[in-house]
Protein backbone atom coordinates (compact mmCIF):
# COMPACT_ATOMS: atom_id res chain seq x y z
CA UNK A 1 -17.34 -30.80 -20.66
CA UNK A 2 -16.83 -28.96 -17.39
CA UNK A 3 -18.56 -25.65 -16.85
CA UNK A 4 -16.91 -22.99 -14.74
CA UNK A 5 -19.18 -20.73 -12.76
CA UNK A 6 -18.36 -17.01 -12.52
CA UNK A 7 -17.47 -17.42 -8.85
CA UNK A 8 -15.09 -20.30 -9.58
CA UNK A 9 -13.47 -18.32 -12.38
CA UNK A 10 -12.94 -15.28 -10.18
CA UNK A 11 -11.64 -17.39 -7.31
CA UNK A 12 -9.11 -19.00 -9.64
CA UNK A 13 -8.04 -15.62 -11.00
CA UNK A 14 -8.03 -13.48 -7.87
CA UNK A 15 -8.22 -15.91 -4.94
CA UNK A 16 -5.47 -15.61 -2.33
CA UNK A 17 -6.18 -18.64 -0.15
CA UNK A 18 -3.05 -19.95 1.62
CA UNK A 19 -1.27 -16.63 1.01
CA UNK A 20 0.01 -14.31 3.73
CA UNK A 21 -0.01 -10.57 3.23
CA UNK A 22 2.08 -8.18 5.29
CA UNK A 23 0.35 -4.80 5.47
CA UNK A 24 2.42 -1.96 6.88
CA UNK A 25 0.10 0.93 7.64
CA UNK A 26 -2.88 -1.40 7.82
CA UNK A 27 -4.37 0.56 10.70
CA UNK A 28 -4.87 3.62 8.50
CA UNK A 29 -7.80 4.48 6.25
CA UNK A 30 -6.33 3.38 2.91
CA UNK A 31 -4.05 0.69 4.30
CA UNK A 32 -7.01 -0.73 6.18
CA UNK A 33 -9.10 -0.89 3.01
CA UNK A 34 -6.27 -2.71 1.23
CA UNK A 35 -5.99 -5.17 4.11
CA UNK A 36 -9.76 -5.77 3.97
CA UNK A 37 -9.57 -6.51 0.24
CA UNK A 38 -6.75 -9.01 0.67
CA UNK A 39 -8.55 -10.72 3.53
CA UNK A 40 -11.74 -10.88 1.48
CA UNK A 41 -9.84 -12.77 -1.21
CA UNK A 42 -8.67 -15.33 1.33
CA UNK A 43 -5.25 -14.11 2.43
CA UNK A 44 -4.12 -14.18 6.04
CA UNK A 45 -3.33 -10.58 7.00
CA UNK A 46 -0.44 -9.55 9.21
CA UNK A 47 -0.90 -5.91 10.15
CA UNK A 48 2.24 -4.16 11.36
CA UNK A 49 2.15 -0.95 13.35
CA UNK A 50 3.03 0.81 16.56
CA UNK A 51 -0.46 1.35 17.97
CA UNK A 52 -1.76 -1.88 19.50
CA UNK A 53 -5.25 -0.46 20.04
CA UNK A 54 -5.64 0.51 16.39
CA UNK A 55 -4.14 -2.81 15.36
CA UNK A 56 -6.62 -4.76 17.47
CA UNK A 57 -9.46 -2.77 15.93
CA UNK A 58 -8.30 -3.56 12.39
CA UNK A 59 -7.93 -7.26 13.20
CA UNK A 60 -11.39 -7.33 14.79
CA UNK A 61 -12.93 -5.71 11.69
CA UNK A 62 -11.37 -8.30 9.39
CA UNK A 63 -12.33 -11.22 11.61
CA UNK A 64 -15.90 -9.96 11.96
CA UNK A 65 -16.13 -10.07 8.17
CA UNK A 66 -14.95 -13.68 8.18
CA UNK A 67 -11.29 -13.05 7.40
CA UNK A 68 -8.05 -14.12 9.05
CA UNK A 69 -5.74 -11.52 10.58
CA UNK A 70 -3.29 -10.75 13.33
CA UNK A 71 -1.49 -7.65 14.56
CA UNK A 72 2.21 -7.49 15.32
CA UNK A 73 3.72 -4.48 17.04
CA UNK A 74 6.54 -3.24 14.83
CA UNK A 75 8.18 0.01 13.77
CA UNK A 76 8.62 -0.21 10.00
CA UNK A 77 11.64 2.09 10.16
CA UNK A 78 13.47 -0.41 12.38
CA UNK A 79 15.07 -3.31 10.52
CA UNK A 80 15.22 -5.53 13.61
CA UNK A 81 11.45 -5.25 14.09
CA UNK A 82 10.75 -6.40 10.55
CA UNK A 83 13.31 -9.20 10.70
CA UNK A 84 11.52 -10.45 13.80
CA UNK A 85 8.30 -10.59 11.78
CA UNK A 86 10.02 -12.97 9.34
CA UNK A 87 11.05 -15.14 12.28
CA UNK A 88 7.48 -15.10 13.62
CA UNK A 89 6.09 -16.19 10.25
CA UNK A 90 8.47 -19.13 10.06
CA UNK A 91 7.59 -20.18 13.60
CA UNK A 92 3.89 -20.15 12.79
CA UNK A 93 4.24 -22.01 9.48
CA UNK A 94 3.57 -18.97 7.31
CA UNK A 95 5.61 -16.98 4.83
CA UNK A 96 5.56 -13.52 3.28
CA UNK A 97 3.81 -13.76 -0.10
CA UNK A 98 2.51 -10.21 -0.41
CA UNK A 99 3.90 -6.98 1.01
CA UNK A 100 1.96 -3.73 1.11
CA UNK A 101 3.82 -0.57 2.13
CA UNK A 102 1.03 1.83 3.05
CA UNK A 103 2.48 3.83 5.95
CA UNK A 104 2.67 7.58 5.40
CA UNK A 105 2.60 10.96 7.09
CA UNK A 106 2.12 14.47 5.74
CA UNK A 107 2.43 18.13 6.68
CA UNK A 108 1.01 21.31 5.10
CA UNK A 109 4.05 23.41 6.05
CA UNK A 110 4.94 26.19 3.55
CA UNK A 111 8.21 25.39 1.80
CA UNK A 112 10.34 28.12 3.39
CA UNK A 113 9.20 26.99 6.83
CA UNK A 114 10.05 23.31 6.45
CA UNK A 115 12.64 22.34 9.04
CA UNK A 116 15.33 19.70 8.72
CA UNK A 117 13.58 17.72 11.44
CA UNK A 118 10.24 17.72 9.61
CA UNK A 119 11.84 16.82 6.27
CA UNK A 120 13.79 13.94 7.80
CA UNK A 121 10.78 12.66 9.76
CA UNK A 122 8.49 12.50 6.74
CA UNK A 123 11.15 10.91 4.53
CA UNK A 124 11.96 8.41 7.28
CA UNK A 125 8.35 7.20 7.51
CA UNK A 126 7.39 7.51 3.83
CA UNK A 127 10.57 6.31 2.14
CA UNK A 128 13.02 4.69 4.56
CA UNK A 129 10.35 2.31 5.85
CA UNK A 130 9.64 1.21 2.26
CA UNK A 131 13.33 0.60 1.60
CA UNK A 132 13.80 -1.45 4.75
CA UNK A 133 10.60 -3.47 4.30
CA UNK A 134 11.43 -4.26 0.69
CA UNK A 135 14.91 -5.38 1.67
CA UNK A 136 13.76 -7.59 4.56
CA UNK A 137 10.76 -9.28 2.95
CA UNK A 138 12.13 -9.53 -0.59
CA UNK A 139 15.27 -11.20 0.77
CA UNK A 140 13.00 -13.72 2.49
CA UNK A 141 11.04 -14.26 -0.74
CA UNK A 142 14.24 -14.75 -2.74
CA UNK A 143 15.69 -17.22 -0.26
CA UNK A 144 12.48 -19.27 -0.43
CA UNK A 145 12.29 -18.86 -4.23
CA UNK A 146 8.74 -17.63 -3.80
CA UNK A 147 6.86 -15.66 -6.42
CA UNK A 148 5.99 -12.60 -4.39
CA UNK A 149 4.16 -9.34 -4.92
CA UNK A 150 5.05 -5.96 -3.44
CA UNK A 151 2.79 -2.93 -3.60
CA UNK A 152 4.17 0.46 -2.59
CA UNK A 153 1.69 3.26 -2.02
CA UNK A 154 2.91 6.35 -3.83
CA UNK A 155 0.61 9.32 -4.46
CA UNK A 156 -0.90 11.53 -7.10
CA UNK A 157 1.55 14.15 -5.84
CA UNK A 158 4.43 11.91 -6.91
CA UNK A 159 3.61 12.51 -10.57
CA UNK A 160 1.96 15.93 -10.71
CA UNK A 161 2.80 19.05 -8.66
CA UNK A 162 0.37 19.74 -5.81
CA UNK A 163 0.69 22.73 -3.53
CA UNK A 164 1.16 22.58 0.24
CA UNK A 165 2.56 19.04 0.40
CA UNK A 166 6.18 19.64 -0.59
CA UNK A 167 7.98 17.09 1.57
CA UNK A 168 5.27 14.47 1.16
CA UNK A 169 5.37 14.87 -2.62
CA UNK A 170 9.14 14.53 -2.77
CA UNK A 171 9.10 11.42 -0.59
CA UNK A 172 6.36 9.77 -2.65
CA UNK A 173 8.15 10.59 -5.91
CA UNK A 174 11.13 8.74 -4.45
CA UNK A 175 8.89 5.78 -3.56
CA UNK A 176 7.70 5.64 -7.15
CA UNK A 177 11.25 5.74 -8.51
CA UNK A 178 12.34 3.05 -6.07
CA UNK A 179 9.42 0.88 -7.18
CA UNK A 180 10.46 1.05 -10.83
CA UNK A 181 14.04 0.18 -10.01
CA UNK A 182 13.07 -2.79 -7.85
CA UNK A 183 10.66 -4.09 -10.48
CA UNK A 184 13.57 -4.25 -12.94
CA UNK A 185 16.01 -5.79 -10.47
CA UNK A 186 13.71 -8.45 -9.02
CA UNK A 187 11.76 -9.66 -12.05
CA UNK A 188 14.28 -12.46 -12.50
CA UNK A 189 13.39 -13.72 -9.02
CA UNK A 190 9.68 -13.81 -9.78
CA UNK A 191 8.99 -10.88 -7.46
CA UNK A 192 6.66 -8.28 -8.91
CA UNK A 193 6.89 -4.71 -7.59
CA UNK A 194 4.21 -2.16 -8.37
CA UNK A 195 2.98 1.17 -7.08
CA UNK A 196 -0.46 2.62 -6.52
CA UNK A 197 -1.05 6.37 -6.65
CA UNK A 198 -4.39 7.25 -5.10
CA UNK A 199 -5.98 10.58 -5.90
CA UNK A 200 -7.93 12.38 -3.22
CA UNK A 201 -9.20 10.02 -0.55
CA UNK A 202 -9.96 11.79 2.73
CA UNK A 203 -7.85 10.27 5.51
CA UNK A 204 -6.22 11.38 8.74
CA UNK A 205 -2.96 12.37 7.06
CA UNK A 206 -4.56 14.84 4.61
CA UNK A 207 -7.45 16.34 6.56
CA UNK A 208 -5.30 19.32 7.58
CA UNK A 209 -4.92 20.41 3.96
CA UNK A 210 -8.54 19.80 2.90
CA UNK A 211 -9.74 23.32 3.55
CA UNK A 212 -12.99 24.46 1.85
CA UNK A 213 -11.17 26.38 -0.88
CA UNK A 214 -8.85 23.45 -1.56
CA UNK A 215 -11.76 21.02 -1.72
CA UNK A 216 -13.47 23.28 -4.27
CA UNK A 217 -10.28 23.35 -6.35
CA UNK A 218 -9.96 19.55 -6.18
CA UNK A 219 -13.53 19.08 -7.36
CA UNK A 220 -12.97 21.45 -10.30
CA UNK A 221 -10.07 19.24 -11.39
CA UNK A 222 -11.76 15.88 -10.81
CA UNK A 223 -14.09 14.82 -13.65
CA UNK A 224 -15.98 12.46 -11.33
CA UNK A 225 -16.64 15.47 -9.05
CA UNK A 226 -16.15 13.60 -5.77
CA UNK A 227 -13.56 12.13 -3.45
CA UNK A 228 -12.58 8.49 -3.71
CA UNK A 229 -13.90 5.89 -1.29
CA UNK A 230 -11.24 3.64 0.31
CA UNK A 231 -12.95 0.44 -0.85
CA UNK A 232 -12.55 1.63 -4.44
CA UNK A 233 -8.88 0.64 -4.19
CA UNK A 234 -9.80 -3.03 -3.66
CA UNK A 235 -9.89 -4.10 -7.31
CA UNK A 236 -6.45 -2.70 -8.06
CA UNK A 237 -5.08 -4.30 -4.90
CA UNK A 238 -6.32 -7.75 -5.90
CA UNK A 239 -4.98 -7.38 -9.43
CA UNK A 240 -1.53 -6.53 -8.11
CA UNK A 241 -1.55 -9.23 -5.43
CA UNK A 242 -2.62 -12.16 -7.62
CA UNK A 243 0.09 -14.12 -9.38
CA UNK A 244 -2.53 -15.14 -11.92
CA UNK A 245 -4.49 -11.96 -12.65
CA UNK A 246 -1.38 -9.82 -12.35
CA UNK A 247 1.18 -12.32 -13.59
CA UNK A 248 2.72 -9.95 -16.18
CA UNK A 249 2.24 -6.79 -14.13
CA UNK A 250 5.37 -5.26 -12.66
CA UNK A 251 6.86 -1.78 -12.64
CA UNK A 252 3.39 -0.29 -13.02
CA UNK A 253 1.94 2.72 -11.25
CA UNK A 254 -1.82 2.33 -10.93
CA UNK A 255 -3.31 5.82 -10.76
CA UNK A 256 -6.75 5.82 -9.14
CA UNK A 257 -7.84 9.44 -9.10
CA UNK A 258 -11.33 9.85 -10.58
CA UNK A 259 -9.77 11.37 -13.69
CA UNK A 260 -7.75 14.09 -11.95
CA UNK A 261 -4.71 13.54 -14.16
CA UNK A 262 -6.88 13.63 -17.26
CA UNK A 263 -8.08 17.16 -16.53
CA UNK A 264 -6.20 20.01 -18.18
CA UNK A 265 -8.49 22.97 -18.90
């Protein structure tokens, strides 16, 4: 009778050896934490972004921890850039198994002051990039008949009204809706599509709105009485990514918010 050790069991359930994960927004705080988690489980990480310096830093961090990663300069809102990534993967003997759409920008502009330019810019980065990436990499997965996993980063503001982030909230609500539609459409191809809605995790894109009075309000509405730490997204990321642990998981929105949505009065 064979005995499985806990480490062997977890490796079998969550291990991602021989998998390649595309992480768009992997140079950011949350995207970087998700990339670290995937690399820790054995996946090769391909970080896409426009800032080569930040990309090199993210790759160095992963490699220093014993992981495998590379950075490719690409604008996620440009289809040609992402199609070239598919070509690069084929040339290097890899394929897209996991896609993480974690790019995002925000603005605290009062609603009546939001310009067409600002609205279009935020939607372009937060939503259009997700649409294009899903089209490019899911088409590649379908053509290869690969069981793939896609994770789109939505937001707490996609499901509950939050002040001062009007355009961001609308764009993330659209990301969540798109996720549900794609999960239904692509289940027959073996491609799972899920969303993650983080609560309040301090990052570059939200520091402008984290004023002292807003922080106090957030804490009053968060039962855990603290902000989230980026690495606390790792478990959910590995569940979604694994075709074993998350085999029956699609069309889900994993809300990781310290209980914020559970608080009423």
